[in-house]
PDB file of all heavy atoms in Angstrom:
ATOM      1  N   ASP A   1      -8.755   4.127   5.259  1.00  0.00           N
ATOM      2  CA  ASP A   1      -7.638   5.055   5.088  1.00  0.00           C
ATOM      3  C   ASP A   1      -6.416   4.278   4.619  1.00  0.00           C
ATOM      4  O   ASP A   1      -6.080   3.230   5.187  1.00  0.00           O
ATOM      5  CB  ASP A   1      -7.338   5.743   6.429  1.00  0.00           C
ATOM      6  CG  ASP A   1      -6.387   6.917   6.321  1.00  0.00           C
ATOM      7  OD1 ASP A   1      -5.561   6.957   5.380  1.00  0.00           O
ATOM      8  OD2 ASP A   1      -6.452   7.796   7.200  1.00  0.00           O
ATOM      9  N   ALA A   2      -5.742   4.788   3.610  1.00  0.00           N
ATOM     10  CA  ALA A   2      -4.509   4.149   3.142  1.00  0.00           C
ATOM     11  C   ALA A   2      -3.447   4.082   4.229  1.00  0.00           C
ATOM     12  O   ALA A   2      -2.520   3.267   4.153  1.00  0.00           O
ATOM     13  CB  ALA A   2      -3.957   4.911   1.935  1.00  0.00           C
ATOM     14  N   LEU A   3      -3.575   4.911   5.260  1.00  0.00           N
ATOM     15  CA  LEU A   3      -2.583   4.957   6.330  1.00  0.00           C
ATOM     16  C   LEU A   3      -2.993   4.141   7.552  1.00  0.00           C
ATOM     17  O   LEU A   3      -2.409   4.309   8.626  1.00  0.00           O
ATOM     18  CB  LEU A   3      -2.335   6.412   6.754  1.00  0.00           C
ATOM     19  CG  LEU A   3      -1.902   7.376   5.648  1.00  0.00           C
ATOM     20  CD1 LEU A   3      -1.636   8.760   6.227  1.00  0.00           C
ATOM     21  CD2 LEU A   3      -0.657   6.876   4.928  1.00  0.00           C
ATOM     22  N   VAL A   4      -3.959   3.236   7.396  1.00  0.00           N
ATOM     23  CA  VAL A   4      -4.434   2.502   8.576  1.00  0.00           C
ATOM     24  C   VAL A   4      -3.313   1.697   9.224  1.00  0.00           C
ATOM     25  O   VAL A   4      -3.198   1.645  10.456  1.00  0.00           O
ATOM     26  CB  VAL A   4      -5.645   1.611   8.216  1.00  0.00           C
ATOM     27  CG1 VAL A   4      -5.291   0.534   7.203  1.00  0.00           C
ATOM     28  CG2 VAL A   4      -6.244   1.001   9.478  1.00  0.00           C
ATOM     29  N   ASP A   5      -2.442   1.075   8.440  1.00  0.00           N
ATOM     30  CA  ASP A   5      -1.344   0.304   9.025  1.00  0.00           C
ATOM     31  C   ASP A   5      -0.433   1.162   9.884  1.00  0.00           C
ATOM     32  O   ASP A   5       0.098   0.692  10.897  1.00  0.00           O
ATOM     33  CB  ASP A   5      -0.496  -0.351   7.932  1.00  0.00           C
ATOM     34  CG  ASP A   5      -1.117  -1.637   7.397  1.00  0.00           C
ATOM     35  OD1 ASP A   5      -2.141  -2.087   7.940  1.00  0.00           O
ATOM     36  OD2 ASP A   5      -0.558  -2.183   6.421  1.00  0.00           O
ATOM     37  N   ASP A   6      -0.224   2.405   9.473  1.00  0.00           N
ATOM     38  CA  ASP A   6       0.696   3.275  10.205  1.00  0.00           C
ATOM     39  C   ASP A   6       0.270   3.430  11.655  1.00  0.00           C
ATOM     40  O   ASP A   6       1.093   3.353  12.576  1.00  0.00           O
ATOM     41  CB  ASP A   6       0.785   4.635   9.514  1.00  0.00           C
ATOM     42  CG  ASP A   6       1.412   4.549   8.138  1.00  0.00           C
ATOM     43  OD1 ASP A   6       0.760   4.012   7.230  1.00  0.00           O
ATOM     44  OD2 ASP A   6       2.560   4.988   7.978  1.00  0.00           O
ATOM     45  N   SER A   7      -1.026   3.661  11.877  1.00  0.00           N
ATOM     46  CA  SER A   7      -1.515   3.799  13.248  1.00  0.00           C
ATOM     47  C   SER A   7      -1.475   2.469  13.988  1.00  0.00           C
ATOM     48  O   SER A   7      -1.113   2.411  15.175  1.00  0.00           O
ATOM     49  CB  SER A   7      -2.944   4.355  13.258  1.00  0.00           C
ATOM     50  OG  SER A   7      -2.957   5.713  12.873  1.00  0.00           O
ATOM     51  N   LEU A   8      -1.851   1.374  13.313  1.00  0.00           N
ATOM     52  CA  LEU A   8      -1.812   0.067  13.964  1.00  0.00           C
ATOM     53  C   LEU A   8      -0.392  -0.287  14.387  1.00  0.00           C
ATOM     54  O   LEU A   8      -0.163  -0.745  15.518  1.00  0.00           O
ATOM     55  CB  LEU A   8      -2.359  -1.011  13.022  1.00  0.00           C
ATOM     56  CG  LEU A   8      -3.776  -0.840  12.481  1.00  0.00           C
ATOM     57  CD1 LEU A   8      -4.178  -2.049  11.646  1.00  0.00           C
ATOM     58  CD2 LEU A   8      -4.771  -0.616  13.601  1.00  0.00           C
ATOM     59  N   PHE A   9       0.560  -0.083  13.496  1.00  0.00           N
ATOM     60  CA  PHE A   9       1.944  -0.457  13.783  1.00  0.00           C
ATOM     61  C   PHE A   9       2.554   0.453  14.847  1.00  0.00           C
ATOM     62  O   PHE A   9       3.224  -0.002  15.775  1.00  0.00           O
ATOM     63  CB  PHE A   9       2.795  -0.381  12.507  1.00  0.00           C
ATOM     64  CG  PHE A   9       2.414  -1.342  11.425  1.00  0.00           C
ATOM     65  CD1 PHE A   9       3.032  -1.267  10.183  1.00  0.00           C
ATOM     66  CD2 PHE A   9       1.433  -2.309  11.610  1.00  0.00           C
ATOM     67  CE1 PHE A   9       2.698  -2.145   9.164  1.00  0.00           C
ATOM     68  CE2 PHE A   9       1.084  -3.191  10.593  1.00  0.00           C
ATOM     69  CZ  PHE A   9       1.722  -3.107   9.355  1.00  0.00           C
ATOM     70  N   MET A  10       2.326   1.765  14.723  1.00  0.00           N
ATOM     71  CA  MET A  10       2.944   2.710  15.654  1.00  0.00           C
ATOM     72  C   MET A  10       2.345   2.574  17.049  1.00  0.00           C
ATOM     73  O   MET A  10       3.064   2.686  18.054  1.00  0.00           O
ATOM     74  CB  MET A  10       2.785   4.136  15.135  1.00  0.00           C
ATOM     75  CG  MET A  10       3.643   5.170  15.852  1.00  0.00           C
ATOM     76  SD  MET A  10       5.424   4.913  15.591  1.00  0.00           S
ATOM     77  CE  MET A  10       6.053   6.543  16.031  1.00  0.00           C
ATOM     78  N   HIS A  11       1.054   2.316  17.133  1.00  0.00           N
ATOM     79  CA  HIS A  11       0.422   2.082  18.427  1.00  0.00           C
ATOM     80  C   HIS A  11       1.083   0.890  19.116  1.00  0.00           C
ATOM     81  O   HIS A  11       1.409   0.944  20.311  1.00  0.00           O
ATOM     82  CB  HIS A  11      -1.072   1.834  18.224  1.00  0.00           C
ATOM     83  CG  HIS A  11      -1.783   1.354  19.446  1.00  0.00           C
ATOM     84  ND1 HIS A  11      -2.172   0.044  19.611  1.00  0.00           N
ATOM     85  CD2 HIS A  11      -2.167   1.999  20.571  1.00  0.00           C
ATOM     86  CE1 HIS A  11      -2.774  -0.101  20.783  1.00  0.00           C
ATOM     87  NE2 HIS A  11      -2.787   1.075  21.380  1.00  0.00           N
ATOM     88  N   ALA A  12       1.307  -0.192  18.375  1.00  0.00           N
ATOM     89  CA  ALA A  12       1.930  -1.376  18.955  1.00  0.00           C
ATOM     90  C   ALA A  12       3.356  -1.096  19.403  1.00  0.00           C
ATOM     91  O   ALA A  12       3.773  -1.512  20.495  1.00  0.00           O
ATOM     92  CB  ALA A  12       1.912  -2.520  17.935  1.00  0.00           C
ATOM     93  N   ARG A  13       4.102  -0.378  18.596  1.00  0.00           N
ATOM     94  CA  ARG A  13       5.492  -0.071  18.961  1.00  0.00           C
ATOM     95  C   ARG A  13       5.565   0.898  20.133  1.00  0.00           C
ATOM     96  O   ARG A  13       6.477   0.820  20.959  1.00  0.00           O
ATOM     97  CB  ARG A  13       6.257   0.505  17.759  1.00  0.00           C
ATOM     98  CG  ARG A  13       6.577  -0.516  16.676  1.00  0.00           C
ATOM     99  CD  ARG A  13       7.932  -0.251  16.037  1.00  0.00           C
ATOM    100  NE  ARG A  13       8.997  -0.358  17.003  1.00  0.00           N
ATOM    101  CZ  ARG A  13       9.908   0.593  17.238  1.00  0.00           C
ATOM    102  NH1 ARG A  13       9.863   1.744  16.571  1.00  0.00           N
ATOM    103  NH2 ARG A  13      10.860   0.407  18.126  1.00  0.00           N
ATOM    104  N   TRP A  14       4.623   1.832  20.206  1.00  0.00           N
ATOM    105  CA  TRP A  14       4.577   2.790  21.315  1.00  0.00           C
ATOM    106  C   TRP A  14       4.407   2.034  22.638  1.00  0.00           C
ATOM    107  O   TRP A  14       5.108   2.296  23.614  1.00  0.00           O
ATOM    108  CB  TRP A  14       3.422   3.761  21.099  1.00  0.00           C
ATOM    109  CG  TRP A  14       3.537   5.092  21.774  1.00  0.00           C
ATOM    110  CD1 TRP A  14       3.087   5.420  23.017  1.00  0.00           C
ATOM    111  CD2 TRP A  14       4.117   6.293  21.237  1.00  0.00           C
ATOM    112  NE1 TRP A  14       3.336   6.751  23.293  1.00  0.00           N
ATOM    113  CE2 TRP A  14       3.971   7.309  22.212  1.00  0.00           C
ATOM    114  CE3 TRP A  14       4.734   6.604  20.027  1.00  0.00           C
ATOM    115  CZ2 TRP A  14       4.427   8.615  22.008  1.00  0.00           C
ATOM    116  CZ3 TRP A  14       5.185   7.906  19.826  1.00  0.00           C
ATOM    117  CH2 TRP A  14       5.030   8.887  20.807  1.00  0.00           C
ATOM    118  N   ILE A  15       3.474   1.080  22.636  1.00  0.00           N
ATOM    119  CA  ILE A  15       3.235   0.282  23.833  1.00  0.00           C
ATOM    120  C   ILE A  15       4.431  -0.624  24.123  1.00  0.00           C
ATOM    121  O   ILE A  15       4.848  -0.775  25.282  1.00  0.00           O
ATOM    122  CB  ILE A  15       1.950  -0.548  23.658  1.00  0.00           C
ATOM    123  CG1 ILE A  15       0.720   0.365  23.711  1.00  0.00           C
ATOM    124  CG2 ILE A  15       1.835  -1.635  24.727  1.00  0.00           C
ATOM    125  CD1 ILE A  15      -0.575  -0.348  23.439  1.00  0.00           C
ATOM    126  N   ALA A  16       4.990  -1.248  23.096  1.00  0.00           N
ATOM    127  CA  ALA A  16       6.127  -2.144  23.287  1.00  0.00           C
ATOM    128  C   ALA A  16       7.332  -1.425  23.878  1.00  0.00           C
ATOM    129  O   ALA A  16       8.195  -2.053  24.511  1.00  0.00           O
ATOM    130  CB  ALA A  16       6.511  -2.797  21.961  1.00  0.00           C
ATOM    131  N   ALA A  17       7.399  -0.110  23.680  1.00  0.00           N
ATOM    132  CA  ALA A  17       8.487   0.690  24.255  1.00  0.00           C
ATOM    133  C   ALA A  17       8.208   1.074  25.698  1.00  0.00           C
ATOM    134  O   ALA A  17       9.030   1.757  26.328  1.00  0.00           O
ATOM    135  CB  ALA A  17       8.712   1.940  23.412  1.00  0.00           C
ATOM    136  N   GLY A  18       7.044   0.658  26.231  1.00  0.00           N
ATOM    137  CA  GLY A  18       6.725   0.931  27.625  1.00  0.00           C
ATOM    138  C   GLY A  18       5.923   2.183  27.866  1.00  0.00           C
ATOM    139  O   GLY A  18       5.803   2.636  29.008  1.00  0.00           O
ATOM    140  N   ASN A  19       5.349   2.745  26.789  1.00  0.00           N
ATOM    141  CA  ASN A  19       4.546   3.962  26.921  1.00  0.00           C
ATOM    142  C   ASN A  19       3.068   3.625  26.925  1.00  0.00           C
ATOM    143  O   ASN A  19       2.639   2.642  26.324  1.00  0.00           O
ATOM    144  CB  ASN A  19       4.829   4.908  25.748  1.00  0.00           C
ATOM    145  CG  ASN A  19       6.302   5.150  25.521  1.00  0.00           C
ATOM    146  OD1 ASN A  19       7.000   5.610  26.419  1.00  0.00           O
ATOM    147  ND2 ASN A  19       6.784   4.837  24.320  1.00  0.00           N
ATOM    148  N   ASP A  20       2.271   4.476  27.561  1.00  0.00           N
ATOM    149  CA  ASP A  20       0.818   4.335  27.490  1.00  0.00           C
ATOM    150  C   ASP A  20       0.329   4.797  26.119  1.00  0.00           C
ATOM    151  O   ASP A  20       0.825   5.793  25.568  1.00  0.00           O
ATOM    152  CB  ASP A  20       0.141   5.191  28.560  1.00  0.00           C
ATOM    153  CG  ASP A  20       0.288   4.608  29.951  1.00  0.00           C
ATOM    154  OD1 ASP A  20       0.410   3.375  30.060  1.00  0.00           O
ATOM    155  OD2 ASP A  20       0.285   5.386  30.924  1.00  0.00           O
ATOM    156  N   ALA A  21      -0.625   4.065  25.582  1.00  0.00           N
ATOM    157  CA  ALA A  21      -1.195   4.456  24.287  1.00  0.00           C
ATOM    158  C   ALA A  21      -2.584   3.877  24.143  1.00  0.00           C
ATOM    159  O   ALA A  21      -2.888   2.800  24.670  1.00  0.00           O
ATOM    160  CB  ALA A  21      -0.313   3.979  23.137  1.00  0.00           C
ATOM    161  N   ASP A  22      -3.430   4.595  23.427  1.00  0.00           N
ATOM    162  CA  ASP A  22      -4.777   4.147  23.109  1.00  0.00           C
ATOM    163  C   ASP A  22      -4.937   4.219  21.598  1.00  0.00           C
ATOM    164  O   ASP A  22      -4.264   5.012  20.921  1.00  0.00           O
ATOM    165  CB  ASP A  22      -5.812   5.032  23.805  1.00  0.00           C
ATOM    166  CG  ASP A  22      -7.092   4.284  24.115  1.00  0.00           C
ATOM    167  OD1 ASP A  22      -7.250   3.156  23.612  1.00  0.00           O
ATOM    168  OD2 ASP A  22      -7.932   4.830  24.836  1.00  0.00           O
ATOM    169  N   LEU A  23      -5.827   3.389  21.090  1.00  0.00           N
ATOM    170  CA  LEU A  23      -6.062   3.308  19.649  1.00  0.00           C
ATOM    171  C   LEU A  23      -7.557   3.400  19.393  1.00  0.00           C
ATOM    172  O   LEU A  23      -8.338   2.635  19.954  1.00  0.00           O
ATOM    173  CB  LEU A  23      -5.513   1.982  19.108  1.00  0.00           C
ATOM    174  CG  LEU A  23      -5.782   1.650  17.640  1.00  0.00           C
ATOM    175  CD1 LEU A  23      -5.103   2.663  16.718  1.00  0.00           C
ATOM    176  CD2 LEU A  23      -5.293   0.233  17.333  1.00  0.00           C
ATOM    177  N   ALA A  24      -7.945   4.359  18.545  1.00  0.00           N
ATOM    178  CA  ALA A  24      -9.344   4.533  18.164  1.00  0.00           C
ATOM    179  C   ALA A  24      -9.480   4.236  16.675  1.00  0.00           C
ATOM    180  O   ALA A  24      -8.901   4.941  15.849  1.00  0.00           O
ATOM    181  CB  ALA A  24      -9.804   5.958  18.469  1.00  0.00           C
ATOM    182  N   VAL A  25     -10.219   3.180  16.359  1.00  0.00           N
ATOM    183  CA  VAL A  25     -10.406   2.754  14.972  1.00  0.00           C
ATOM    184  C   VAL A  25     -11.853   3.025  14.576  1.00  0.00           C
ATOM    185  O   VAL A  25     -12.783   2.569  15.253  1.00  0.00           O
ATOM    186  CB  VAL A  25     -10.080   1.259  14.809  1.00  0.00           C
ATOM    187  CG1 VAL A  25     -10.341   0.810  13.376  1.00  0.00           C
ATOM    188  CG2 VAL A  25      -8.620   0.989  15.196  1.00  0.00           C
ATOM    189  N   TYR A  26     -12.046   3.750  13.466  1.00  0.00           N
ATOM    190  CA  TYR A  26     -13.375   4.190  13.045  1.00  0.00           C
ATOM    191  C   TYR A  26     -13.787   3.462  11.758  1.00  0.00           C
ATOM    192  O   TYR A  26     -13.198   3.696  10.696  1.00  0.00           O
ATOM    193  CB  TYR A  26     -13.381   5.704  12.847  1.00  0.00           C
ATOM    194  CG  TYR A  26     -13.125   6.436  14.148  1.00  0.00           C
ATOM    195  CD1 TYR A  26     -11.837   6.784  14.544  1.00  0.00           C
ATOM    196  CD2 TYR A  26     -14.177   6.720  15.011  1.00  0.00           C
ATOM    197  CE1 TYR A  26     -11.609   7.418  15.762  1.00  0.00           C
ATOM    198  CE2 TYR A  26     -13.960   7.348  16.225  1.00  0.00           C
ATOM    199  CZ  TYR A  26     -12.673   7.699  16.595  1.00  0.00           C
ATOM    200  OH  TYR A  26     -12.453   8.314  17.803  1.00  0.00           O
ATOM    201  N   PRO A  27     -14.781   2.577  11.838  1.00  0.00           N
ATOM    202  CA  PRO A  27     -15.194   1.803  10.665  1.00  0.00           C
ATOM    203  C   PRO A  27     -15.609   2.700   9.493  1.00  0.00           C
ATOM    204  O   PRO A  27     -16.485   3.547   9.625  1.00  0.00           O
ATOM    205  CB  PRO A  27     -16.384   0.988  11.178  1.00  0.00           C
ATOM    206  CG  PRO A  27     -16.155   0.864  12.647  1.00  0.00           C
ATOM    207  CD  PRO A  27     -15.546   2.186  13.045  1.00  0.00           C
TER     208      PRO A  27
END
């Protein structure tokens, strides 16, 4: 997906802000 970075980056920032987050990556 052309938007793969968006989920990777936002997941990291969500957690860095102190929120719970999960990331599902589909090959």
